[in-house]
Amino acid sequence: MKADAVRGHLDGLLLAVLEQGPLHGYAIIAAVQRRSGGVLELRTGTIYPALNRLERLGLLSSGWQATGERRRKCYELTDAGRATLAGERAAWSEFTAAIGSVLNPAPNTGLAT
């Protein structure tokens, strides 16, 4: 899928994936890819700046976790992040309904347009 198709929706995708609990960057990328059936492949150069921005906005918090000998920065939703995710979902529903009504209009009911 083209990167332009994800633009504008990246924040919602990241917040939605983190709703289930804390994840590190590569796990977030894998979760988006898995949940999209392999259609969405985010790059590290896209995801990390977005995660840092969401953290600066107070939508995410982060901490370091040890995995074996490696330390990974894990991100999780804040209460503000959960509220923002709810808004993203509502906006997405409204957007897809509007686009759907244009691309797949209801059958003509005999009314003039």
Protein backbone atom coordinates (compact mmCIF):
# COMPACT_ATOMS: atom_id res chain seq x y z
CA MET A 1 0.00 0.00 0.00
CA LYS A 2 1.27 3.46 -0.80
CA ALA A 3 2.75 5.48 2.05
CA ASP A 4 0.37 8.33 1.13
CA ALA A 5 -2.57 6.12 2.07
CA VAL A 6 -1.27 5.82 5.64
CA ARG A 7 -0.39 9.49 5.99
CA GLY A 8 -2.87 11.19 8.26
CA HIS A 9 -3.80 7.89 9.90
CA LEU A 10 -0.46 6.90 11.39
CA ASP A 11 -1.23 8.26 14.85
CA GLY A 12 -4.47 6.30 15.03
CA LEU A 13 -2.74 3.12 13.86
CA LEU A 14 -0.01 3.44 16.48
CA LEU A 15 -2.43 4.25 19.27
CA ALA A 16 -4.70 1.34 18.33
CA VAL A 17 -1.85 -1.17 18.35
CA LEU A 18 -0.71 0.07 21.76
CA GLU A 19 -4.21 -0.23 23.22
CA GLN A 20 -3.52 -3.86 24.14
CA GLY A 21 -0.43 -2.98 26.19
CA PRO A 22 3.18 -1.79 25.99
CA LEU A 23 5.27 -2.68 22.94
CA HIS A 24 8.70 -1.77 21.60
CA GLY A 25 9.14 -0.26 18.15
CA TYR A 26 9.73 -3.40 16.11
CA ALA A 27 6.81 -5.13 17.85
CA ILE A 28 4.60 -2.17 16.91
CA ILE A 29 5.67 -2.47 13.27
CA ALA A 30 5.00 -6.22 13.33
CA ALA A 31 1.58 -5.74 14.97
CA VAL A 32 0.47 -3.21 12.34
CA GLN A 33 1.64 -5.53 9.59
CA ARG A 34 -0.03 -8.57 11.16
CA ARG A 35 -3.32 -6.78 11.91
CA SER A 36 -3.46 -5.39 8.35
CA GLY A 37 -2.93 -8.82 6.81
CA GLY A 38 0.50 -7.75 5.57
CA VAL A 39 -0.82 -4.77 3.61
CA LEU A 40 0.69 -2.06 5.84
CA GLU A 41 4.45 -2.11 6.24
CA LEU A 42 5.71 0.77 8.34
CA ARG A 43 9.35 1.80 8.24
CA THR A 44 11.45 2.51 11.30
CA GLY A 45 12.20 5.96 9.86
CA THR A 46 8.47 6.69 9.98
CA ILE A 47 7.48 5.06 13.23
CA TYR A 48 10.11 6.30 15.69
CA PRO A 49 9.65 10.02 14.97
CA ALA A 50 5.88 9.49 15.28
CA LEU A 51 6.26 7.64 18.59
CA ASN A 52 8.51 10.40 19.95
CA ARG A 53 6.01 13.05 18.83
CA LEU A 54 3.09 11.20 20.44
CA GLU A 55 5.11 10.92 23.64
CA ARG A 56 5.88 14.67 23.61
CA LEU A 57 2.14 15.30 23.19
CA GLY A 58 1.44 13.20 26.28
CA LEU A 59 -0.43 10.48 24.38
CA LEU A 60 2.22 7.84 25.10
CA SER A 61 4.64 7.14 27.90
CA SER A 62 7.76 5.04 27.58
CA GLY A 63 10.26 3.12 29.64
CA TRP A 64 13.18 0.81 29.11
CA GLN A 65 12.72 -2.94 29.47
CA ALA A 66 15.41 -5.59 29.41
CA THR A 67 14.94 -8.49 27.02
CA GLY A 68 17.82 -10.87 27.62
CA GLU A 69 20.90 -8.73 27.23
CA ARG A 70 19.10 -6.07 25.18
CA ARG A 71 17.27 -3.03 26.45
CA ARG A 72 14.28 -1.86 24.45
CA LYS A 73 12.22 1.26 24.79
CA CYS A 74 8.58 0.27 25.20
CA TYR A 75 5.66 2.60 24.64
CA GLU A 76 2.20 2.54 26.18
CA LEU A 77 -0.96 4.62 26.00
CA THR A 78 -1.70 7.30 28.55
CA ASP A 79 -5.25 8.28 29.50
CA ALA A 80 -4.94 11.15 27.00
CA GLY A 81 -3.84 8.62 24.38
CA ARG A 82 -6.93 6.50 25.02
CA ALA A 83 -9.16 9.54 24.64
CA THR A 84 -7.39 10.52 21.43
CA LEU A 85 -7.78 6.97 20.10
CA ALA A 86 -11.54 7.17 20.72
CA GLY A 87 -11.62 10.41 18.72
CA GLU A 88 -9.53 8.85 15.92
CA ARG A 89 -11.98 5.94 15.72
CA ALA A 90 -15.00 8.25 15.54
CA ALA A 91 -13.35 10.38 12.85
CA TRP A 92 -12.40 7.25 10.89
CA SER A 93 -15.98 5.94 11.01
CA GLU A 94 -17.32 9.27 9.78
CA PHE A 95 -14.69 9.47 7.03
CA THR A 96 -15.23 5.92 5.76
CA ALA A 97 -19.02 6.35 5.78
CA ALA A 98 -18.71 9.54 3.72
CA ILE A 99 -16.29 8.00 1.21
CA GLY A 100 -18.40 4.84 1.05
CA SER A 101 -21.53 6.81 0.24
CA VAL A 102 -19.74 8.45 -2.68
CA LEU A 103 -18.00 5.34 -4.03
CA ASN A 104 -20.96 3.01 -3.42
CA PRO A 105 -24.08 5.19 -3.56
CA ALA A 106 -27.42 3.80 -2.50
CA PRO A 107 -29.65 2.77 -5.40
CA ASN A 108 -31.56 5.63 -6.98
CA THR A 109 -34.82 6.13 -5.11
CA GLY A 110 -36.37 8.12 -7.90
CA LEU A 111 -35.48 11.50 -6.42
CA ALA A 112 -33.79 14.07 -8.62
CA THR A 113 -30.17 14.85 -7.78
